[in-house]
């Protein structure tokens, strides 16, 4: 089907006629694709294989600085940087730097790269070094504080220092050993938070949200069963038998009732008591409303 072509007066101009022709399919419209930019990369080739640590260190630091300059020109930061050492006698070796948030701070990146370089096997000599920022993210502009009083106040600088500390621990100890606590939307204590890989966090390291009620500093993975002596079947608690020890309760606060998650099909509720034993320890005692079983779910350190 061929659409009819409109004829407009000359006062509308050739540009408008061309746009109408493109819309109706009578003129060819050139599509200009958006081509992704190549990731920042820089390489230095030596005149020959070298095992001099000072030369390799100076070269790698200069390459890191060059990559950071490229990131600055793009107003971006790197989330992952790959370093490759081409060796003369065997296959290339290298390492990858993981950053929890985008950064182009050359001093911070060099601090992460230096321990890896110290452990690298140089073989009979390194012929070339390549540094490539494989994962990028845009960085927002931040206001630089000029005055000492405001510069020392807690703010983005504190968050940046915590982020750099996380990067250092992750790159030295491994991502599987560093976890951060992330609060969840649940009123049940065992579902109120989860551990997540530290390198997956974003730019800010906000502290976890605190519960409105008092919660123990140490929550057991599974409640430990106990036997109790109470004034009434539902408390307060007077004595506790826990881990083979009969304990006298000096102070008992509660109960605090937590209802079930009805949307998850859970029908069991529970009561919690905060009790201090004769040794001064504060115990978080739990009573199941259906089975009437008692247990300890956590302690205050």
C-alpha atoms as a PDB file:
ATOM      1  CA  UNK A   1       0.000   0.000   0.000  1.00  0.00           C
ATOM      2  CA  UNK A   2       1.428   3.356  -1.105  1.00  0.00           C
ATOM      3  CA  UNK A   3       0.422   6.342   0.980  1.00  0.00           C
ATOM      4  CA  UNK A   4      -0.539   9.513  -0.874  1.00  0.00           C
ATOM      5  CA  UNK A   5       1.979  12.339  -0.922  1.00  0.00           C
ATOM      6  CA  UNK A   6       0.916  15.679   0.395  1.00  0.00           C
ATOM      7  CA  UNK A   7       1.767  18.941  -1.349  1.00  0.00           C
ATOM      8  CA  UNK A   8       2.322  21.914   0.932  1.00  0.00           C
ATOM      9  CA  UNK A   9       2.871  25.557   0.113  1.00  0.00           C
ATOM     10  CA  UNK A  10       6.477  26.705  -0.246  1.00  0.00           C
ATOM     11  CA  UNK A  11       6.249  28.819   2.900  1.00  0.00           C
ATOM     12  CA  UNK A  12       6.455  25.707   5.062  1.00  0.00           C
ATOM     13  CA  UNK A  13      10.045  25.118   3.948  1.00  0.00           C
ATOM     14  CA  UNK A  14      11.953  22.159   2.531  1.00  0.00           C
ATOM     15  CA  UNK A  15      12.886  20.814   5.972  1.00  0.00           C
ATOM     16  CA  UNK A  16       9.255  20.245   6.961  1.00  0.00           C
ATOM     17  CA  UNK A  17       8.529  18.583   3.606  1.00  0.00           C
ATOM     18  CA  UNK A  18      11.503  16.273   4.093  1.00  0.00           C
ATOM     19  CA  UNK A  19      10.294  15.315   7.566  1.00  0.00           C
ATOM     20  CA  UNK A  20       6.826  14.530   6.220  1.00  0.00           C
ATOM     21  CA  UNK A  21       8.296  12.459   3.398  1.00  0.00           C
ATOM     22  CA  UNK A  22      10.330  10.436   5.928  1.00  0.00           C
ATOM     23  CA  UNK A  23       7.251   9.907   8.072  1.00  0.00           C
ATOM     24  CA  UNK A  24       5.179   8.724   5.094  1.00  0.00           C
ATOM     25  CA  UNK A  25       7.947   6.528   3.704  1.00  0.00           C
ATOM     26  CA  UNK A  26       8.675   8.524   0.565  1.00  0.00           C
ATOM     27  CA  UNK A  27      12.222   9.505   1.613  1.00  0.00           C
ATOM     28  CA  UNK A  28      15.135   7.471   2.951  1.00  0.00           C
ATOM     29  CA  UNK A  29      15.878   8.069   6.621  1.00  0.00           C
ATOM     30  CA  UNK A  30      19.404   7.292   7.718  1.00  0.00           C
ATOM     31  CA  UNK A  31      19.670   5.686  11.150  1.00  0.00           C
ATOM     32  CA  UNK A  32      22.714   6.664  13.123  1.00  0.00           C
ATOM     33  CA  UNK A  33      23.409   3.861  15.594  1.00  0.00           C
ATOM     34  CA  UNK A  34      24.757   4.574  19.056  1.00  0.00           C
ATOM     35  CA  UNK A  35      28.022   2.700  19.220  1.00  0.00           C
ATOM     36  CA  UNK A  36      29.388   1.866  22.672  1.00  0.00           C
ATOM     37  CA  UNK A  37      32.736   3.319  23.571  1.00  0.00           C
ATOM     38  CA  UNK A  38      35.668   1.020  24.072  1.00  0.00           C
ATOM     39  CA  UNK A  39      36.525   0.583  27.760  1.00  0.00           C
ATOM     40  CA  UNK A  40      39.504   2.590  29.010  1.00  0.00           C
ATOM     41  CA  UNK A  41      42.639   0.582  28.360  1.00  0.00           C
ATOM     42  CA  UNK A  42      46.355   1.316  28.301  1.00  0.00           C
ATOM     43  CA  UNK A  43      49.422  -0.826  27.690  1.00  0.00           C
ATOM     44  CA  UNK A  44      53.177  -0.468  28.036  1.00  0.00           C
ATOM     45  CA  UNK A  45      55.642  -2.723  26.178  1.00  0.00           C
ATOM     46  CA  UNK A  46      59.181  -3.025  27.489  1.00  0.00           C
ATOM     47  CA  UNK A  47      62.250  -3.152  25.248  1.00  0.00           C
ATOM     48  CA  UNK A  48      62.858  -6.655  26.556  1.00  0.00           C
ATOM     49  CA  UNK A  49      61.782  -8.992  29.359  1.00  0.00           C
ATOM     50  CA  UNK A  50      62.472  -7.467  32.742  1.00  0.00           C
ATOM     51  CA  UNK A  51      62.358  -8.814  36.281  1.00  0.00           C
ATOM     52  CA  UNK A  52      63.216  -5.528  37.973  1.00  0.00           C
ATOM     53  CA  UNK A  53      60.526  -4.949  40.551  1.00  0.00           C
ATOM     54  CA  UNK A  54      61.033  -1.171  40.617  1.00  0.00           C
ATOM     55  CA  UNK A  55      60.489  -0.854  36.850  1.00  0.00           C
ATOM     56  CA  UNK A  56      57.367  -3.008  36.891  1.00  0.00           C
ATOM     57  CA  UNK A  57      55.977  -1.118  39.886  1.00  0.00           C
ATOM     58  CA  UNK A  58      56.586   2.319  38.334  1.00  0.00           C
ATOM     59  CA  UNK A  59      55.087   1.196  35.031  1.00  0.00           C
ATOM     60  CA  UNK A  60      51.944  -0.279  36.568  1.00  0.00           C
ATOM     61  CA  UNK A  61      51.382   2.823  38.677  1.00  0.00           C
ATOM     62  CA  UNK A  62      51.718   5.025  35.580  1.00  0.00           C
ATOM     63  CA  UNK A  63      49.217   2.836  33.710  1.00  0.00           C
ATOM     64  CA  UNK A  64      46.733   3.067  36.586  1.00  0.00           C
ATOM     65  CA  UNK A  65      47.098   6.848  36.505  1.00  0.00           C
ATOM     66  CA  UNK A  66      46.483   6.847  32.740  1.00  0.00           C
ATOM     67  CA  UNK A  67      43.315   4.772  33.075  1.00  0.00           C
ATOM     68  CA  UNK A  68      42.049   7.080  35.831  1.00  0.00           C
ATOM     69  CA  UNK A  69      42.624  10.081  33.542  1.00  0.00           C
ATOM     70  CA  UNK A  70      40.528   8.393  30.853  1.00  0.00           C
ATOM     71  CA  UNK A  71      37.792   7.708  33.383  1.00  0.00           C
ATOM     72  CA  UNK A  72      37.881  11.331  34.464  1.00  0.00           C
ATOM     73  CA  UNK A  73      37.445  12.466  30.854  1.00  0.00           C
ATOM     74  CA  UNK A  74      34.341  10.270  30.598  1.00  0.00           C
ATOM     75  CA  UNK A  75      33.028  11.417  34.007  1.00  0.00           C
ATOM     76  CA  UNK A  76      32.902   7.752  35.005  1.00  0.00           C
ATOM     77  CA  UNK A  77      34.460   5.387  37.501  1.00  0.00           C
ATOM     78  CA  UNK A  78      35.554   1.757  37.387  1.00  0.00           C
ATOM     79  CA  UNK A  79      33.861  -1.103  39.193  1.00  0.00           C
ATOM     80  CA  UNK A  80      36.301  -3.725  37.916  1.00  0.00           C
ATOM     81  CA  UNK A  81      39.863  -3.369  36.627  1.00  0.00           C
ATOM     82  CA  UNK A  82      41.850  -6.142  34.968  1.00  0.00           C
ATOM     83  CA  UNK A  83      45.661  -6.151  35.013  1.00  0.00           C
ATOM     84  CA  UNK A  84      47.543  -8.484  32.663  1.00  0.00           C
ATOM     85  CA  UNK A  85      51.280  -9.213  32.709  1.00  0.00           C
ATOM     86  CA  UNK A  86      52.728 -10.694  29.520  1.00  0.00           C
ATOM     87  CA  UNK A  87      55.619 -13.008  30.437  1.00  0.00           C
ATOM     88  CA  UNK A  88      58.404 -14.158  28.131  1.00  0.00           C
ATOM     89  CA  UNK A  89      58.633 -17.804  29.157  1.00  0.00           C
ATOM     90  CA  UNK A  90      55.019 -18.794  29.933  1.00  0.00           C
ATOM     91  CA  UNK A  91      51.401 -17.788  29.562  1.00  0.00           C
ATOM     92  CA  UNK A  92      50.233 -14.353  30.710  1.00  0.00           C
ATOM     93  CA  UNK A  93      49.291 -13.806  34.320  1.00  0.00           C
ATOM     94  CA  UNK A  94      47.281 -11.110  35.995  1.00  0.00           C
ATOM     95  CA  UNK A  95      44.626 -10.205  38.510  1.00  0.00           C
ATOM     96  CA  UNK A  96      41.301  -8.412  38.735  1.00  0.00           C
ATOM     97  CA  UNK A  97      40.426  -5.626  41.146  1.00  0.00           C
ATOM     98  CA  UNK A  98      36.826  -5.507  42.398  1.00  0.00           C
ATOM     99  CA  UNK A  99      35.473  -2.209  43.693  1.00  0.00           C
ATOM    100  CA  UNK A 100      32.245  -1.991  45.670  1.00  0.00           C
ATOM    101  CA  UNK A 101      31.451   1.382  44.104  1.00  0.00           C
ATOM    102  CA  UNK A 102      32.651   3.229  41.039  1.00  0.00           C
ATOM    103  CA  UNK A 103      35.955   5.016  41.607  1.00  0.00           C
ATOM    104  CA  UNK A 104      38.698   6.772  39.667  1.00  0.00           C
ATOM    105  CA  UNK A 105      40.902   7.517  42.667  1.00  0.00           C
ATOM    106  CA  UNK A 106      44.340   6.433  41.454  1.00  0.00           C
ATOM    107  CA  UNK A 107      45.802   6.232  44.958  1.00  0.00           C
ATOM    108  CA  UNK A 108      43.017   3.914  46.125  1.00  0.00           C
ATOM    109  CA  UNK A 109      43.249   1.712  43.019  1.00  0.00           C
ATOM    110  CA  UNK A 110      47.020   1.485  43.356  1.00  0.00           C
ATOM    111  CA  UNK A 111      46.639   0.504  47.009  1.00  0.00           C
ATOM    112  CA  UNK A 112      44.473  -2.413  45.856  1.00  0.00           C
ATOM    113  CA  UNK A 113      46.784  -3.400  42.998  1.00  0.00           C
ATOM    114  CA  UNK A 114      50.121  -3.355  44.823  1.00  0.00           C
ATOM    115  CA  UNK A 115      49.527  -6.457  47.054  1.00  0.00           C
ATOM    116  CA  UNK A 116      48.465  -8.463  43.982  1.00  0.00           C
ATOM    117  CA  UNK A 117      51.565  -7.358  42.087  1.00  0.00           C
ATOM    118  CA  UNK A 118      53.788  -8.417  44.983  1.00  0.00           C
ATOM    119  CA  UNK A 119      52.360 -11.945  44.821  1.00  0.00           C
ATOM    120  CA  UNK A 120      52.518 -12.216  41.009  1.00  0.00           C
ATOM    121  CA  UNK A 121      54.951 -14.736  39.489  1.00  0.00           C
ATOM    122  CA  UNK A 122      57.099 -12.784  37.016  1.00  0.00           C
ATOM    123  CA  UNK A 123      58.777 -15.818  35.463  1.00  0.00           C
ATOM    124  CA  UNK A 124      61.936 -14.975  33.507  1.00  0.00           C
ATOM    125  CA  UNK A 125      60.710 -11.483  32.740  1.00  0.00           C
ATOM    126  CA  UNK A 126      57.676  -9.337  31.958  1.00  0.00           C
ATOM    127  CA  UNK A 127      57.409  -8.091  28.387  1.00  0.00           C
ATOM    128  CA  UNK A 128      54.334  -5.874  28.668  1.00  0.00           C
ATOM    129  CA  UNK A 129      51.659  -4.717  31.120  1.00  0.00           C
ATOM    130  CA  UNK A 130      48.052  -3.953  30.259  1.00  0.00           C
ATOM    131  CA  UNK A 131      45.455  -2.261  32.472  1.00  0.00           C
ATOM    132  CA  UNK A 132      41.798  -2.269  31.420  1.00  0.00           C
ATOM    133  CA  UNK A 133      38.686  -0.982  33.186  1.00  0.00           C
ATOM    134  CA  UNK A 134      36.130  -3.635  32.232  1.00  0.00           C
ATOM    135  CA  UNK A 135      33.089  -2.431  34.196  1.00  0.00           C
ATOM    136  CA  UNK A 136      32.217   1.275  34.360  1.00  0.00           C
ATOM    137  CA  UNK A 137      29.620   3.413  36.115  1.00  0.00           C
ATOM    138  CA  UNK A 138      28.911   7.131  35.950  1.00  0.00           C
ATOM    139  CA  UNK A 139      30.060   9.233  38.884  1.00  0.00           C
ATOM    140  CA  UNK A 140      28.063  12.184  40.156  1.00  0.00           C
ATOM    141  CA  UNK A 141      29.777  15.465  40.934  1.00  0.00           C
ATOM    142  CA  UNK A 142      30.318  16.265  44.601  1.00  0.00           C
ATOM    143  CA  UNK A 143      30.871  19.597  46.302  1.00  0.00           C
ATOM    144  CA  UNK A 144      34.332  19.930  47.831  1.00  0.00           C
ATOM    145  CA  UNK A 145      34.308  21.315  51.362  1.00  0.00           C
ATOM    146  CA  UNK A 146      36.727  24.145  51.998  1.00  0.00           C
ATOM    147  CA  UNK A 147      36.446  24.814  55.695  1.00  0.00           C
ATOM    148  CA  UNK A 148      38.006  22.591  58.318  1.00  0.00           C
ATOM    149  CA  UNK A 149      34.915  22.412  60.545  1.00  0.00           C
ATOM    150  CA  UNK A 150      32.702  21.197  57.729  1.00  0.00           C
ATOM    151  CA  UNK A 151      35.340  18.904  56.279  1.00  0.00           C
ATOM    152  CA  UNK A 152      35.624  17.032  59.579  1.00  0.00           C
ATOM    153  CA  UNK A 153      31.874  16.604  59.947  1.00  0.00           C
ATOM    154  CA  UNK A 154      30.499  13.159  59.107  1.00  0.00           C
ATOM    155  CA  UNK A 155      29.244  12.996  55.553  1.00  0.00           C
ATOM    156  CA  UNK A 156      30.310  11.626  52.182  1.00  0.00           C
ATOM    157  CA  UNK A 157      33.954  11.453  53.304  1.00  0.00           C
ATOM    158  CA  UNK A 158      33.070   8.991  56.046  1.00  0.00           C
ATOM    159  CA  UNK A 159      31.135   6.871  53.548  1.00  0.00           C
ATOM    160  CA  UNK A 160      34.018   6.997  51.065  1.00  0.00           C
ATOM    161  CA  UNK A 161      36.494   5.845  53.724  1.00  0.00           C
ATOM    162  CA  UNK A 162      34.237   2.926  54.638  1.00  0.00           C
ATOM    163  CA  UNK A 163      33.874   1.991  50.966  1.00  0.00           C
ATOM    164  CA  UNK A 164      37.642   2.019  50.442  1.00  0.00           C
ATOM    165  CA  UNK A 165      38.127  -0.113  53.545  1.00  0.00           C
ATOM    166  CA  UNK A 166      35.625  -2.640  52.165  1.00  0.00           C
ATOM    167  CA  UNK A 167      37.471  -2.731  48.831  1.00  0.00           C
ATOM    168  CA  UNK A 168      40.774  -3.358  50.612  1.00  0.00           C
ATOM    169  CA  UNK A 169      39.362  -6.230  52.675  1.00  0.00           C
ATOM    170  CA  UNK A 170      37.614  -7.823  49.686  1.00  0.00           C
ATOM    171  CA  UNK A 171      40.680  -7.724  47.441  1.00  0.00           C
ATOM    172  CA  UNK A 172      43.013  -9.035  50.148  1.00  0.00           C
ATOM    173  CA  UNK A 173      40.831 -11.630  51.885  1.00  0.00           C
ATOM    174  CA  UNK A 174      38.387 -12.567  49.140  1.00  0.00           C
ATOM    175  CA  UNK A 175      34.793 -11.610  48.453  1.00  0.00           C
ATOM    176  CA  UNK A 176      33.454 -14.826  49.977  1.00  0.00           C
ATOM    177  CA  UNK A 177      34.914 -13.837  53.374  1.00  0.00           C
ATOM    178  CA  UNK A 178      33.473 -10.307  53.568  1.00  0.00           C
ATOM    179  CA  UNK A 179      29.741  -9.870  54.091  1.00  0.00           C
ATOM    180  CA  UNK A 180      27.537  -6.897  54.911  1.00  0.00           C
ATOM    181  CA  UNK A 181      24.240  -6.955  56.769  1.00  0.00           C
ATOM    182  CA  UNK A 182      21.194  -5.830  54.822  1.00  0.00           C
ATOM    183  CA  UNK A 183      17.878  -5.320  56.658  1.00  0.00           C
ATOM    184  CA  UNK A 184      14.749  -6.962  55.259  1.00  0.00           C
ATOM    185  CA  UNK A 185      11.076  -6.048  55.477  1.00  0.00           C
ATOM    186  CA  UNK A 186      10.009  -8.524  58.160  1.00  0.00           C
ATOM    187  CA  UNK A 187       9.054  -8.219  61.814  1.00  0.00           C
ATOM    188  CA  UNK A 188      10.269 -11.750  62.584  1.00  0.00           C
ATOM    189  CA  UNK A 189      13.829 -11.638  63.976  1.00  0.00           C
ATOM    190  CA  UNK A 190      15.177 -14.545  61.916  1.00  0.00           C
ATOM    191  CA  UNK A 191      13.988 -12.862  58.702  1.00  0.00           C
ATOM    192  CA  UNK A 192      14.743  -9.260  59.589  1.00  0.00           C
ATOM    193  CA  UNK A 193      18.087  -9.228  57.772  1.00  0.00           C
ATOM    194  CA  UNK A 194      20.386 -11.096  55.438  1.00  0.00           C
ATOM    195  CA  UNK A 195      24.075 -11.214  54.609  1.00  0.00           C
ATOM    196  CA  UNK A 196      25.189 -10.085  51.181  1.00  0.00           C
ATOM    197  CA  UNK A 197      28.492 -10.015  49.350  1.00  0.00           C
ATOM    198  CA  UNK A 198      30.342  -6.822  50.229  1.00  0.00           C
ATOM    199  CA  UNK A 199      31.418  -6.048  46.669  1.00  0.00           C
ATOM    200  CA  UNK A 200      27.777  -5.889  45.510  1.00  0.00           C
ATOM    201  CA  UNK A 201      26.958  -2.833  47.609  1.00  0.00           C
ATOM    202  CA  UNK A 202      26.467   0.561  46.039  1.00  0.00           C
ATOM    203  CA  UNK A 203      28.117   3.921  46.499  1.00  0.00           C
ATOM    204  CA  UNK A 204      26.831   4.510  50.041  1.00  0.00           C
ATOM    205  CA  UNK A 205      27.362   2.280  53.033  1.00  0.00           C
ATOM    206  CA  UNK A 206      24.368   3.253  55.114  1.00  0.00           C
ATOM    207  CA  UNK A 207      24.103   1.595  58.541  1.00  0.00           C
ATOM    208  CA  UNK A 208      21.345  -1.014  58.820  1.00  0.00           C
ATOM    209  CA  UNK A 209      18.012   0.210  60.045  1.00  0.00           C
ATOM    210  CA  UNK A 210      17.401  -0.433  63.718  1.00  0.00           C
ATOM    211  CA  UNK A 211      14.322  -2.225  64.942  1.00  0.00           C
ATOM    212  CA  UNK A 212      11.847  -0.177  66.919  1.00  0.00           C
ATOM    213  CA  UNK A 213      12.032  -2.687  69.800  1.00  0.00           C
ATOM    214  CA  UNK A 214      15.087  -3.869  71.712  1.00  0.00           C
ATOM    215  CA  UNK A 215      16.742  -6.850  70.023  1.00  0.00           C
ATOM    216  CA  UNK A 216      19.633  -9.083  71.229  1.00  0.00           C
ATOM    217  CA  UNK A 217      23.107  -8.515  69.850  1.00  0.00           C
ATOM    218  CA  UNK A 218      23.528 -12.255  69.201  1.00  0.00           C
ATOM    219  CA  UNK A 219      20.658 -14.118  67.558  1.00  0.00           C
ATOM    220  CA  UNK A 220      20.950 -17.907  67.507  1.00  0.00           C
ATOM    221  CA  UNK A 221      20.610 -19.627  64.161  1.00  0.00           C
ATOM    222  CA  UNK A 222      18.051 -21.955  65.757  1.00  0.00           C
ATOM    223  CA  UNK A 223      16.319 -21.380  69.132  1.00  0.00           C
ATOM    224  CA  UNK A 224      17.727 -23.591  71.885  1.00  0.00           C
ATOM    225  CA  UNK A 225      15.062 -25.485  73.886  1.00  0.00           C
ATOM    226  CA  UNK A 226      14.855 -24.828  77.639  1.00  0.00           C
ATOM    227  CA  UNK A 227      12.696 -25.681  80.640  1.00  0.00           C
ATOM    228  CA  UNK A 228      11.190 -22.836  82.627  1.00  0.00           C
ATOM    229  CA  UNK A 229       9.361 -22.236  85.879  1.00  0.00           C
ATOM    230  CA  UNK A 230       6.840 -19.424  85.620  1.00  0.00           C
ATOM    231  CA  UNK A 231       4.219 -17.873  87.894  1.00  0.00           C
ATOM    232  CA  UNK A 232       1.556 -18.492  85.252  1.00  0.00           C
ATOM    233  CA  UNK A 233       1.583 -20.690  82.140  1.00  0.00           C
ATOM    234  CA  UNK A 234       2.400 -17.666  79.976  1.00  0.00           C
ATOM    235  CA  UNK A 235       4.988 -15.999  82.286  1.00  0.00           C
ATOM    236  CA  UNK A 236       6.733 -14.185  83.797  1.00  0.00           C
ATOM    237  CA  UNK A 237       9.731 -16.541  84.043  1.00  0.00           C
ATOM    238  CA  UNK A 238      11.255 -17.339  87.444  1.00  0.00           C
ATOM    239  CA  UNK A 239      13.827 -20.080  86.684  1.00  0.00           C
ATOM    240  CA  UNK A 240      15.411 -21.431  83.495  1.00  0.00           C
ATOM    241  CA  UNK A 241      17.177 -24.734  82.819  1.00  0.00           C
ATOM    242  CA  UNK A 242      19.485 -24.127  79.860  1.00  0.00           C
ATOM    243  CA  UNK A 243      22.459 -26.195  78.677  1.00  0.00           C
ATOM    244  CA  UNK A 244      22.271 -28.375  81.778  1.00  0.00           C
ATOM    245  CA  UNK A 245      22.385 -25.421  84.185  1.00  0.00           C
ATOM    246  CA  UNK A 246      19.566 -24.301  86.465  1.00  0.00           C
ATOM    247  CA  UNK A 247      19.469 -20.492  86.442  1.00  0.00           C
ATOM    248  CA  UNK A 248      17.540 -18.097  88.624  1.00  0.00           C
ATOM    249  CA  UNK A 249      15.894 -15.195  86.829  1.00  0.00           C
ATOM    250  CA  UNK A 250      16.415 -11.886  88.612  1.00  0.00           C
ATOM    251  CA  UNK A 251      14.505  -9.621  86.219  1.00  0.00           C
ATOM    252  CA  UNK A 252      11.921 -10.504  83.575  1.00  0.00           C
ATOM    253  CA  UNK A 253      10.415  -8.024  81.101  1.00  0.00           C
ATOM    254  CA  UNK A 254       7.580  -8.894  78.741  1.00  0.00           C
ATOM    255  CA  UNK A 255       5.932 -10.520  77.029  1.00  0.00           C
ATOM    256  CA  UNK A 256       6.310  -8.983  73.572  1.00  0.00           C
ATOM    257  CA  UNK A 257       3.994 -10.778  71.165  1.00  0.00           C
ATOM    258  CA  UNK A 258       4.983 -11.235  67.522  1.00  0.00           C
ATOM    259  CA  UNK A 259       2.259 -12.386  65.182  1.00  0.00           C
ATOM    260  CA  UNK A 260       2.786 -14.748  62.252  1.00  0.00           C
ATOM    261  CA  UNK A 261       3.267 -13.766  58.625  1.00  0.00           C
ATOM    262  CA  UNK A 262      -0.241 -14.625  57.459  1.00  0.00           C
ATOM    263  CA  UNK A 263       0.638 -13.942  53.803  1.00  0.00           C
ATOM    264  CA  UNK A 264       3.259 -16.728  53.983  1.00  0.00           C
ATOM    265  CA  UNK A 265       0.835 -19.284  55.393  1.00  0.00           C
ATOM    266  CA  UNK A 266       2.355 -19.173  58.881  1.00  0.00           C
ATOM    267  CA  UNK A 267      -0.150 -19.492  61.738  1.00  0.00           C
ATOM    268  CA  UNK A 268       2.117 -19.754  64.763  1.00  0.00           C
ATOM    269  CA  UNK A 269       2.638 -16.750  67.005  1.00  0.00           C
ATOM    270  CA  UNK A 270       5.184 -16.286  69.773  1.00  0.00           C
ATOM    271  CA  UNK A 271       5.852 -14.369  72.981  1.00  0.00           C
ATOM    272  CA  UNK A 272       9.297 -13.000  73.882  1.00  0.00           C
ATOM    273  CA  UNK A 273      10.647 -12.222  77.351  1.00  0.00           C
ATOM    274  CA  UNK A 274      13.813 -10.317  78.158  1.00  0.00           C
ATOM    275  CA  UNK A 275      15.228 -11.961  81.287  1.00  0.00           C
ATOM    276  CA  UNK A 276      18.384 -11.360  83.352  1.00  0.00           C
ATOM    277  CA  UNK A 277      19.794 -14.442  85.085  1.00  0.00           C
ATOM    278  CA  UNK A 278      21.828 -14.666  88.273  1.00  0.00           C
ATOM    279  CA  UNK A 279      25.100 -14.278  86.317  1.00  0.00           C
ATOM    280  CA  UNK A 280      24.007 -10.945  84.881  1.00  0.00           C
ATOM    281  CA  UNK A 281      23.317 -12.239  81.360  1.00  0.00           C
ATOM    282  CA  UNK A 282      20.280 -10.987  79.486  1.00  0.00           C
ATOM    283  CA  UNK A 283      18.432 -13.778  77.672  1.00  0.00           C
ATOM    284  CA  UNK A 284      15.793 -13.491  74.971  1.00  0.00           C
ATOM    285  CA  UNK A 285      13.306 -16.206  75.923  1.00  0.00           C
ATOM    286  CA  UNK A 286      10.698 -17.340  73.412  1.00  0.00           C
ATOM    287  CA  UNK A 287       7.405 -19.154  73.976  1.00  0.00           C
ATOM    288  CA  UNK A 288       5.482 -20.719  71.095  1.00  0.00           C
ATOM    289  CA  UNK A 289       1.769 -19.927  71.391  1.00  0.00           C
ATOM    290  CA  UNK A 290       0.585 -23.176  69.776  1.00  0.00           C
ATOM    291  CA  UNK A 291       2.914 -25.812  71.222  1.00  0.00           C
ATOM    292  CA  UNK A 292       3.662 -23.827  74.433  1.00  0.00           C
ATOM    293  CA  UNK A 293       7.354 -24.790  74.040  1.00  0.00           C
ATOM    294  CA  UNK A 294      10.020 -22.521  75.558  1.00  0.00           C
ATOM    295  CA  UNK A 295      13.402 -21.707  74.021  1.00  0.00           C
ATOM    296  CA  UNK A 296      16.154 -19.102  74.023  1.00  0.00           C
ATOM    297  CA  UNK A 297      16.480 -17.224  70.736  1.00  0.00           C
ATOM    298  CA  UNK A 298      19.351 -14.886  71.561  1.00  0.00           C
ATOM    299  CA  UNK A 299      21.444 -13.101  74.175  1.00  0.00           C
ATOM    300  CA  UNK A 300      22.691  -9.586  74.764  1.00  0.00           C
ATOM    301  CA  UNK A 301      26.484  -9.426  74.688  1.00  0.00           C
END
